[in-house]
Protein backbone atom coordinates (compact mmCIF):
# COMPACT_ATOMS: atom_id res chain seq x y z
CA MET A 1 0.00 0.00 0.00
CA GLN A 2 1.38 3.42 -0.95
CA ASN A 3 -0.08 6.89 -0.70
CA THR A 4 1.39 10.23 -1.59
CA ILE A 5 0.11 13.13 0.48
CA SER A 6 1.03 16.66 -0.50
CA GLN A 7 0.13 20.16 0.56
CA ASN A 8 1.75 23.51 -0.29
CA SER A 9 4.67 21.80 -2.04
CA ASN A 10 5.52 19.76 1.09
CA THR A 11 5.21 16.08 0.24
CA THR A 12 5.02 13.15 2.64
CA LYS A 13 5.09 9.71 1.07
CA ILE A 14 3.43 6.99 3.13
CA THR A 15 4.94 3.67 2.05
CA LYS A 16 3.43 1.59 4.82
CA SER A 17 1.21 1.99 7.85
CA LYS A 18 0.17 0.01 10.90
CA VAL A 19 -2.54 0.37 13.52
CA TYR A 20 -2.02 -1.24 16.94
CA THR A 21 -4.89 -1.54 19.41
CA THR A 22 -5.30 -2.46 23.07
CA ARG A 23 -8.78 -2.99 24.50
CA ALA A 24 -9.10 -2.84 28.28
CA LEU A 25 -12.14 -5.14 28.20
CA ASP A 26 -10.72 -8.15 26.34
CA ASP A 27 -7.49 -9.87 25.28
CA THR A 28 -6.63 -7.44 22.48
CA LYS A 29 -3.25 -6.17 23.74
CA LEU A 30 -0.87 -4.15 21.54
CA GLN A 31 -2.28 -6.10 18.63
CA LEU A 32 -1.81 -5.20 14.97
CA THR A 33 -5.39 -4.50 13.90
CA GLY A 34 -5.16 -2.77 10.52
CA GLU A 35 -3.57 -0.18 8.28
CA VAL A 36 -4.33 3.34 7.10
CA ILE A 37 -5.69 3.94 3.60
CA PHE A 38 -5.66 7.63 2.67
CA SER A 39 -7.93 9.16 0.06
CA ASP A 40 -8.99 12.69 -0.82
CA PHE A 41 -9.40 15.21 1.95
CA LYS A 42 -12.80 15.21 3.64
CA GLN A 43 -13.99 18.09 5.77
CA PRO A 44 -15.39 16.65 9.04
CA LEU A 45 -18.92 17.65 9.96
CA GLU A 46 -19.65 18.91 13.47
CA THR A 47 -21.21 15.54 14.21
CA GLU A 48 -18.10 13.60 13.14
CA VAL A 49 -14.92 12.76 15.03
CA SER A 50 -11.61 13.65 13.44
CA ILE A 51 -7.89 13.82 14.24
CA LEU A 52 -5.81 16.34 12.30
CA VAL A 53 -2.02 15.97 12.27
CA SER A 54 0.46 18.54 10.93
CA PRO A 55 4.07 17.26 10.82
CA SER A 56 5.41 20.67 9.75
CA LYS A 57 4.60 22.14 13.18
CA GLN A 58 7.15 20.69 15.61
CA PHE A 59 7.65 21.18 19.34
CA GLN A 60 9.63 19.56 22.18
CA THR A 61 12.18 16.78 21.73
CA PHE A 62 11.18 13.51 23.37
CA LEU A 63 13.61 12.13 25.98
CA GLY A 64 12.00 8.84 27.03
CA ILE A 65 9.48 6.83 29.04
CA GLY A 66 10.23 4.53 31.95
CA ALA A 67 9.60 3.76 35.61
CA ALA A 68 11.10 3.79 39.09
CA LEU A 69 13.41 0.93 40.07
CA THR A 70 12.55 0.93 43.77
CA ASP A 71 13.58 -1.39 46.58
CA ALA A 72 10.09 -2.92 46.43
CA SER A 73 10.48 -3.67 42.73
CA ALA A 74 13.94 -5.16 43.19
CA GLU A 75 12.95 -7.32 46.16
CA THR A 76 9.90 -8.65 44.29
CA PHE A 77 11.99 -9.34 41.17
CA TYR A 78 14.45 -11.57 43.04
CA LYS A 79 11.61 -13.68 44.46
CA LEU A 80 10.61 -14.71 40.94
CA SER A 81 12.05 -17.57 38.90
CA LYS A 82 15.00 -16.90 36.59
CA GLU A 83 12.70 -17.53 33.64
CA ASN A 84 10.23 -14.87 34.80
CA GLN A 85 13.03 -12.44 35.64
CA ASP A 86 14.27 -12.69 32.06
CA HIS A 87 10.73 -12.39 30.72
CA PHE A 88 10.11 -9.31 32.85
CA MET A 89 13.25 -7.53 31.63
CA GLU A 90 12.51 -8.32 28.00
CA ALA A 91 8.89 -7.23 28.36
CA TYR A 92 9.87 -3.79 29.63
CA TYR A 93 13.14 -3.00 27.86
CA SER A 94 13.18 -4.78 24.49
CA VAL A 95 11.87 -2.58 21.68
CA ASP A 96 10.96 -5.56 19.48
CA LYS A 97 9.58 -8.00 22.07
CA GLY A 98 8.59 -5.53 24.78
CA ILE A 99 7.67 -1.86 25.20
CA GLY A 100 11.13 -0.32 24.96
CA TYR A 101 11.64 1.66 28.18
CA THR A 102 14.56 4.12 28.00
CA LEU A 103 14.18 6.07 31.26
CA ALA A 104 14.47 5.14 34.95
CA ARG A 105 14.22 6.72 38.38
CA THR A 106 16.02 5.45 41.47
CA ILE A 107 15.80 6.41 45.13
CA ILE A 108 18.44 7.93 47.42
CA HIS A 109 18.24 5.53 50.42
CA SER A 110 14.75 4.52 51.55
CA CYS A 111 11.23 5.56 50.62
CA ASP A 112 7.84 4.08 51.47
CA PHE A 113 8.40 1.36 48.85
CA SER A 114 11.29 -0.07 50.83
CA SER A 115 10.97 -2.84 53.43
CA GLU A 116 12.38 -0.52 56.09
CA SER A 117 13.75 2.97 56.65
CA TYR A 118 17.51 3.26 56.21
CA THR A 119 20.26 5.67 55.17
CA TYR A 120 23.83 5.30 53.90
CA ILE A 121 25.49 6.66 57.06
CA GLU A 122 25.48 6.07 60.79
CA GLU A 123 23.06 8.35 62.61
CA GLY A 124 24.78 11.60 63.61
CA ASP A 125 27.62 11.35 61.08
CA LYS A 126 27.52 14.90 59.72
CA GLU A 127 30.94 14.45 58.06
CA LEU A 128 29.54 11.45 56.11
CA GLU A 129 32.61 9.41 57.01
CA THR A 130 30.56 6.19 57.26
CA PHE A 131 28.84 6.68 53.89
CA ASN A 132 28.35 3.42 51.98
CA ILE A 133 25.68 1.93 49.73
CA SER A 134 26.12 -1.70 50.80
CA HIS A 135 22.37 -1.95 51.49
CA ASP A 136 21.59 -1.40 47.80
CA LYS A 137 24.09 -3.97 46.59
CA GLN A 138 21.85 -6.84 47.70
CA PHE A 139 18.85 -6.10 45.45
CA ARG A 140 18.49 -2.63 43.93
CA ILE A 141 21.86 -2.21 42.23
CA PRO A 142 21.98 -5.66 40.59
CA PHE A 143 18.33 -5.19 39.54
CA THR A 144 19.19 -1.82 38.04
CA LYS A 145 22.19 -3.21 36.19
CA LYS A 146 20.01 -5.94 34.68
CA ALA A 147 17.61 -3.24 33.49
CA ILE A 148 20.46 -1.27 31.91
CA ALA A 149 21.69 -4.40 30.14
CA ALA A 150 18.17 -5.26 28.95
CA ALA A 151 17.82 -1.73 27.56
CA GLY A 152 20.89 -2.28 25.40
CA GLY A 153 23.47 -0.93 27.82
CA GLU A 154 22.07 2.57 28.21
CA LEU A 155 19.29 3.87 30.45
CA THR A 156 18.67 7.52 31.28
CA MET A 157 18.67 7.34 35.09
CA TYR A 158 17.81 10.01 37.64
CA ALA A 159 17.71 9.84 41.43
CA SER A 160 15.35 11.30 44.05
CA PRO A 161 15.61 11.63 47.85
CA TRP A 162 12.57 11.21 50.11
CA SER A 163 14.19 12.43 53.33
CA PRO A 164 17.55 13.40 54.82
CA PRO A 165 18.74 11.28 57.76
CA ALA A 166 16.69 11.93 60.91
CA PHE A 167 19.39 13.89 62.77
CA MET A 168 19.53 16.45 59.94
CA LYS A 169 15.83 17.31 60.32
CA THR A 170 13.79 19.57 62.59
CA ASN A 171 11.54 16.69 63.68
CA ASN A 172 14.44 14.23 64.18
CA ASN A 173 12.49 11.70 62.12
CA MET A 174 12.80 10.53 58.51
CA LEU A 175 9.01 10.16 58.44
CA GLN A 176 6.21 12.69 58.99
CA GLY A 177 7.66 15.67 57.14
CA GLY A 178 9.95 17.98 59.08
CA LYS A 179 12.51 20.28 57.48
CA LEU A 180 16.23 20.21 56.79
CA LYS A 181 18.04 22.04 59.60
CA PRO A 182 20.08 25.02 58.31
CA GLU A 183 23.35 23.64 59.72
CA PHE A 184 22.96 20.51 57.58
CA HIS A 185 22.43 22.20 54.21
CA GLN A 186 26.03 21.54 53.18
CA PRO A 187 26.32 17.97 54.51
CA TRP A 188 23.05 17.07 52.77
CA ALA A 189 24.31 18.57 49.49
CA ASN A 190 27.49 16.53 49.91
CA TYR A 191 25.31 13.42 50.38
CA TYR A 192 23.88 13.74 46.84
CA ALA A 193 27.38 13.96 45.38
CA LYS A 194 28.53 10.90 47.34
CA PHE A 195 25.47 8.96 46.19
CA ILE A 196 26.08 9.75 42.52
CA LYS A 197 29.74 8.82 42.70
CA ALA A 198 29.03 5.61 44.62
CA TYR A 199 26.38 4.46 42.12
CA GLU A 200 28.55 5.31 39.15
CA LYS A 201 31.43 3.36 40.69
CA GLU A 202 29.06 0.35 40.73
CA GLY A 203 28.33 0.78 37.03
CA VAL A 204 25.06 2.71 37.29
CA PRO A 205 25.41 6.06 35.46
CA ILE A 206 23.30 8.87 36.95
CA TRP A 207 22.00 11.33 34.35
CA GLY A 208 20.22 13.64 36.79
CA LEU A 209 18.49 14.13 40.11
CA THR A 210 15.50 15.80 41.68
CA ILE A 211 16.01 18.05 44.69
CA GLN A 212 13.31 16.52 46.88
CA ASN A 213 10.41 14.13 46.31
CA GLU A 214 7.10 15.86 47.11
CA PRO A 215 8.48 18.83 49.09
CA MET A 216 5.02 20.00 50.19
CA ALA A 217 3.67 16.70 51.56
CA VAL A 218 3.88 15.64 55.20
CA GLN A 219 3.64 11.88 54.76
CA ARG A 220 3.58 9.00 57.21
CA TRP A 221 6.60 7.74 55.27
CA GLU A 222 9.92 9.39 54.41
CA SER A 223 9.27 13.05 53.62
CA CYS A 224 10.80 16.51 53.98
CA ILE A 225 9.23 19.93 53.50
CA TYR A 226 10.64 22.85 51.52
CA THR A 227 8.81 26.06 50.68
CA ALA A 228 9.52 27.35 47.18
CA GLU A 229 12.01 29.84 48.63
CA GLU A 230 13.72 27.16 50.71
CA GLU A 231 14.09 24.84 47.73
CA ARG A 232 15.41 27.74 45.64
CA ASP A 233 17.98 28.74 48.25
CA PHE A 234 19.16 25.19 48.94
CA LEU A 235 19.65 24.72 45.22
CA LYS A 236 21.53 27.94 44.47
CA ASN A 237 23.59 28.14 47.66
CA TYR A 238 24.41 24.48 48.30
CA LEU A 239 23.33 21.74 45.89
CA GLY A 240 24.21 23.45 42.61
CA PRO A 241 27.62 24.74 43.72
CA THR A 242 28.45 21.43 45.44
CA LEU A 243 27.79 19.38 42.30
CA GLU A 244 29.96 21.76 40.30
CA LYS A 245 32.74 21.59 42.89
CA GLU A 246 32.58 17.77 42.83
CA GLU A 247 32.84 17.81 39.00
CA LEU A 248 29.21 16.71 38.70
CA GLY A 249 27.98 19.91 37.09
CA ASP A 250 26.77 17.98 34.04
CA LYS A 251 24.06 16.23 36.08
CA LYS A 252 20.57 17.47 35.23
CA ILE A 253 18.81 19.04 38.22
CA ILE A 254 15.02 18.76 38.37
CA ALA A 255 13.07 21.04 40.71
CA TRP A 256 9.67 20.55 42.40
CA ASP A 257 8.99 16.80 41.82
CA HIS A 258 5.46 17.15 43.19
CA ASN A 259 1.92 17.64 41.87
CA ARG A 260 0.70 19.76 38.95
CA ASP A 261 -1.36 22.07 41.20
CA LEU A 262 1.62 24.04 42.55
CA LEU A 263 3.93 23.40 39.59
CA PHE A 264 3.53 26.88 38.08
CA GLU A 265 3.91 28.61 41.46
CA ARG A 266 7.10 26.68 42.25
CA ALA A 267 8.53 27.35 38.79
CA GLN A 268 7.90 31.09 39.15
CA VAL A 269 9.83 31.30 42.41
CA ILE A 270 12.79 29.13 41.44
CA LEU A 271 13.20 29.96 37.76
CA SER A 272 12.71 33.71 38.21
CA ASP A 273 15.90 33.75 40.30
CA PRO A 274 18.89 33.84 37.89
CA GLU A 275 21.25 32.16 40.37
CA ALA A 276 18.87 29.25 40.91
CA ASN A 277 17.68 29.14 37.31
CA LYS A 278 21.15 28.42 35.93
CA TYR A 279 21.27 25.09 37.76
CA VAL A 280 17.81 23.86 36.70
CA TRP A 281 17.40 21.53 33.72
CA GLY A 282 13.66 21.30 34.22
CA MET A 283 10.60 20.98 36.42
CA GLY A 284 9.30 17.58 37.56
CA PHE A 285 5.70 16.84 38.48
CA HIS A 286 3.32 14.12 39.72
CA TRP A 287 -0.40 13.50 39.08
CA TYR A 288 -1.89 13.23 42.59
CA GLU A 289 -3.44 16.73 42.69
CA ASP A 290 -6.75 15.14 41.66
CA TRP A 291 -7.32 14.17 45.31
CA LYS A 292 -9.00 17.59 45.66
CA ASP A 293 -11.83 17.22 43.16
CA GLY A 294 -10.97 14.31 40.85
CA ILE A 295 -9.80 16.65 38.07
CA PRO A 296 -6.14 16.65 36.92
CA MET A 297 -4.68 20.15 36.43
CA TYR A 298 -3.03 19.60 33.04
CA ASN A 299 -3.12 23.32 32.20
CA ASN A 300 -0.48 24.10 34.80
CA VAL A 301 2.02 22.08 32.75
CA ALA A 302 1.22 24.24 29.72
CA LYS A 303 1.60 27.41 31.81
CA VAL A 304 5.16 26.49 32.82
CA ASN A 305 6.00 25.55 29.25
CA GLU A 306 4.69 28.92 28.09
CA ALA A 307 6.42 30.99 30.78
CA PHE A 308 9.77 29.15 30.72
CA PRO A 309 10.17 27.64 27.22
CA ASP A 310 13.91 27.13 27.74
CA LYS A 311 13.29 24.65 30.59
CA ASN A 312 12.19 21.03 30.31
CA LEU A 313 9.12 19.37 31.82
CA ILE A 314 9.33 15.80 33.09
CA PHE A 315 6.61 13.69 34.69
CA THR A 316 8.46 12.10 37.60
CA GLU A 317 5.81 9.94 39.30
CA GLY A 318 2.32 8.54 38.98
CA THR A 319 0.64 5.40 40.27
CA ASN A 320 -2.87 4.12 40.95
CA GLU A 321 -3.29 4.13 44.71
CA SER A 322 -5.30 1.93 47.11
CA TYR A 323 -4.35 -1.47 45.75
CA SER A 324 -7.07 -4.08 45.45
CA TRP A 325 -6.78 -7.22 43.30
CA GLU A 326 -10.51 -6.99 42.57
CA ARG A 327 -9.82 -3.81 40.55
CA ILE A 328 -6.85 -5.18 38.58
CA ASN A 329 -8.82 -5.11 35.26
CA ASP A 330 -10.66 -1.83 35.89
CA PRO A 331 -10.28 0.20 32.64
CA LYS A 332 -9.99 3.43 34.65
CA LEU A 333 -6.57 2.37 35.95
CA ALA A 334 -5.06 2.17 32.47
CA GLU A 335 -7.04 5.12 31.13
CA ARG A 336 -5.55 7.34 33.82
CA TYR A 337 -2.17 6.64 32.24
CA GLY A 338 -3.34 7.17 28.66
CA LYS A 339 -5.13 10.42 29.45
CA ALA A 340 -2.24 11.82 31.50
CA MET A 341 0.42 10.94 28.94
CA ILE A 342 -1.50 12.46 26.02
CA ASN A 343 -2.25 15.68 27.92
CA ASP A 344 1.22 16.01 29.43
CA PHE A 345 2.95 15.49 26.09
CA ASN A 346 0.62 17.93 24.36
CA ASN A 347 1.48 20.49 27.03
CA GLY A 348 5.24 20.24 26.44
CA THR A 349 6.47 17.34 28.59
CA VAL A 350 9.66 15.68 27.27
CA ALA A 351 9.76 12.55 29.47
CA TRP A 352 7.32 10.48 31.50
CA THR A 353 8.10 8.24 34.49
CA ASP A 354 5.78 5.68 36.04
CA TRP A 355 6.26 4.85 39.74
CA ASN A 356 7.11 1.24 40.74
CA ILE A 357 7.99 -0.84 37.69
CA LEU A 358 6.99 -4.01 39.58
CA LEU A 359 5.13 -4.81 42.81
CA ASP A 360 4.14 -8.06 44.51
CA GLU A 361 0.71 -9.65 44.94
CA THR A 362 -0.08 -7.34 47.88
CA GLY A 363 0.76 -4.07 46.11
CA GLY A 364 4.00 -3.85 48.07
CA PRO A 365 6.31 -4.41 49.83
CA ASN A 366 5.82 -1.09 51.60
CA HIS A 367 6.95 -0.46 55.17
CA VAL A 368 4.02 1.84 56.03
CA GLY A 369 1.23 -0.04 54.25
CA ASN A 370 0.88 2.47 51.39
CA LEU A 371 -0.03 -0.29 48.91
CA CYS A 372 -0.46 0.59 45.22
CA PHE A 373 -0.95 -0.84 41.75
CA ALA A 374 1.88 -1.34 39.27
CA PRO A 375 1.68 -2.10 35.53
CA VAL A 376 3.16 -5.52 36.33
CA HIS A 377 2.61 -7.56 39.51
CA GLY A 378 4.71 -10.55 40.44
CA ASN A 379 3.09 -13.09 42.74
CA THR A 380 5.88 -14.19 45.07
CA GLN A 381 3.80 -17.17 46.24
CA THR A 382 2.89 -18.63 42.83
CA ASN A 383 5.66 -17.12 40.65
CA GLU A 384 2.99 -15.69 38.31
CA LEU A 385 3.56 -12.44 36.40
CA THR A 386 0.47 -10.34 35.68
CA PHE A 387 0.72 -7.73 32.94
CA THR A 388 -2.10 -5.28 33.54
CA ASN A 389 -3.84 -3.00 31.04
CA SER A 390 -1.65 -0.15 32.30
CA TYR A 391 1.47 -1.91 31.00
CA TYR A 392 -0.03 -2.10 27.51
CA TYR A 393 -1.40 1.46 27.57
CA ILE A 394 2.03 2.84 28.48
CA GLY A 395 3.50 0.61 25.78
CA HIS A 396 1.40 2.35 23.13
CA PHE A 397 3.68 5.34 23.72
CA SER A 398 7.03 3.90 24.83
CA LYS A 399 7.31 1.19 22.18
CA PHE A 400 6.71 3.51 19.23
CA ILE A 401 7.79 7.04 20.26
CA ARG A 402 11.56 6.88 20.50
CA PRO A 403 14.12 9.22 22.08
CA GLY A 404 14.88 12.16 19.82
CA ALA A 405 11.35 12.28 18.39
CA LYS A 406 9.68 15.67 17.98
CA ARG A 407 6.10 16.22 19.02
CA ILE A 408 4.07 17.48 16.08
CA SER A 409 0.86 19.45 15.96
CA SER A 410 -2.37 17.47 16.35
CA GLY A 411 -5.93 18.10 17.38
CA THR A 412 -9.30 16.38 17.63
CA THR A 413 -12.82 17.61 16.86
CA SER A 414 -14.62 15.74 19.65
CA ASN A 415 -14.19 15.03 23.34
CA LYS A 416 -14.87 11.36 22.54
CA LEU A 417 -11.25 11.04 21.43
CA ILE A 418 -7.98 12.59 22.61
CA ALA A 419 -4.67 12.21 20.79
CA THR A 420 -1.02 13.19 20.54
CA ALA A 421 1.47 12.81 17.70
CA PHE A 422 5.24 12.58 17.24
CA LEU A 423 7.75 12.46 14.38
CA ASN A 424 10.56 9.97 15.07
CA THR A 425 14.12 10.51 13.90
CA ASP A 426 13.55 7.82 11.23
CA GLU A 427 10.75 10.06 9.83
CA SER A 428 7.97 7.72 10.98
CA ILE A 429 4.88 9.47 12.33
CA VAL A 430 3.31 8.09 15.52
CA ILE A 431 -0.23 9.03 16.57
CA VAL A 432 -1.71 7.76 19.86
CA ALA A 433 -5.48 8.04 20.38
CA LEU A 434 -7.57 7.17 23.46
CA ASN A 435 -11.25 6.30 23.70
CA GLU A 436 -12.52 6.19 27.31
CA SER A 437 -16.17 5.83 26.37
CA ASN A 438 -18.46 2.80 26.45
CA GLN A 439 -18.98 2.94 22.69
CA PRO A 440 -16.67 2.39 19.69
CA VAL A 441 -15.78 5.59 17.86
CA ASN A 442 -15.50 5.94 14.08
CA TYR A 443 -13.11 8.75 13.22
CA MET A 444 -11.24 10.40 10.40
CA LEU A 445 -7.47 10.94 10.33
CA THR A 446 -6.32 13.87 8.20
CA LEU A 447 -2.68 14.46 7.30
CA GLU A 448 -1.48 17.06 4.79
CA GLY A 449 -4.62 17.21 2.71
CA LYS A 450 -5.57 13.51 2.74
CA THR A 451 -8.09 11.70 4.94
CA SER A 452 -8.52 8.12 6.15
CA ASN A 453 -11.47 6.51 7.93
CA LEU A 454 -10.66 4.51 11.07
CA SER A 455 -12.39 3.04 14.12
CA ILE A 456 -11.38 2.56 17.75
CA PRO A 457 -13.23 0.17 20.12
CA ALA A 458 -14.80 1.16 23.43
CA HIS A 459 -12.31 1.57 26.30
CA ALA A 460 -9.34 1.27 23.98
CA ILE A 461 -6.07 2.93 23.03
CA GLN A 462 -4.63 2.95 19.53
CA THR A 463 -1.24 3.73 18.01
CA ILE A 464 -1.01 4.57 14.33
CA ILE A 465 2.39 4.30 12.64
CA LEU A 466 2.94 6.01 9.28
CA ASN A 467 6.26 5.31 7.56
């Protein structure tokens, strides 16, 4: 099948096309379901659904999609059989046989998805003389190195801290919030540098780091509070200069690392300060702001992109909370991913990171009982791997949109369908469309003056590849 599509002397030749579909309600998972046949342009009526794509209008460069390699994920992984371990790695990191992850997040000592709270130093050691990462060498580091190998030897990896050691904080506790004491600003900055160097010595390259996970949330697990001004000042007076002094100035620093609701406010304070701004690669954000009214605040991502176009936006964490096996096939779990990824990419996001890449049959392990869903669950009692709809929905992006791609202009004519589109470095065009409704949707796809008629099932996601 070959089509030639031309408009205003710009010509795109489509030599082949593929349509992949996942349905949340049946066994159709990343399945090749058709091709695209273009014919003459057709103007959609107001009653019709249409996606318009314009490859000539290009935006941000895509960095990657991946997930967090937590203690919980690593501990669950090593309770599975060797056969399932290999299957798991291939399923996530192989482009051909899996969904081609290229991005990863790791944790700086413990978080809630660890079996216990721990740090890399003895309590009270402000000189960090006892610093060592031996704890991580049992599970997390070997797990991470397997992921790097499965990804072809390269994985864009960034690190995030949940809390400084207890003695460095105003509440003398790694849990329940608290703040970093002023006298420990420099030792804590030194801690990041030691972590990066220790991980890299073990063969785990660190591309970047966030300043603090969720700096406005007092949690019953590891947490630490920074106002926007406190985060700004710690960055410009301690963390940024320390990384430069330690010859780590090439590491990408990500500010905020919390929900979309306060993303714009935090960006204004930090990025409006020239001394802080110069250290910031981008702003990180999560999706949990919908606890207020059930409505994600996607527009705040666009506002930061508009106000600070020279900075990057990266989604650093999202998961479906309140684990229950009875809900494992609920379409809403996967659709939360599809909807967030489409909106975040359309608003300028360059990279997207899921939370735990793997959890056990309980939604853990988690040392404070904060049990959650993951795209893949490994049953440590039966050795069974369960690939949920969320895994496949994420795969509709990660498998086909590759690092270096440029987002291109796209739009839809109906709320029944949302979509995003990218142009890969090999010139292939990737369009991802989501239908959350209970009914199939017939729609038109228009590209450079030519139109094709397509259909997407109820509660389904679709990726269209045009070569």
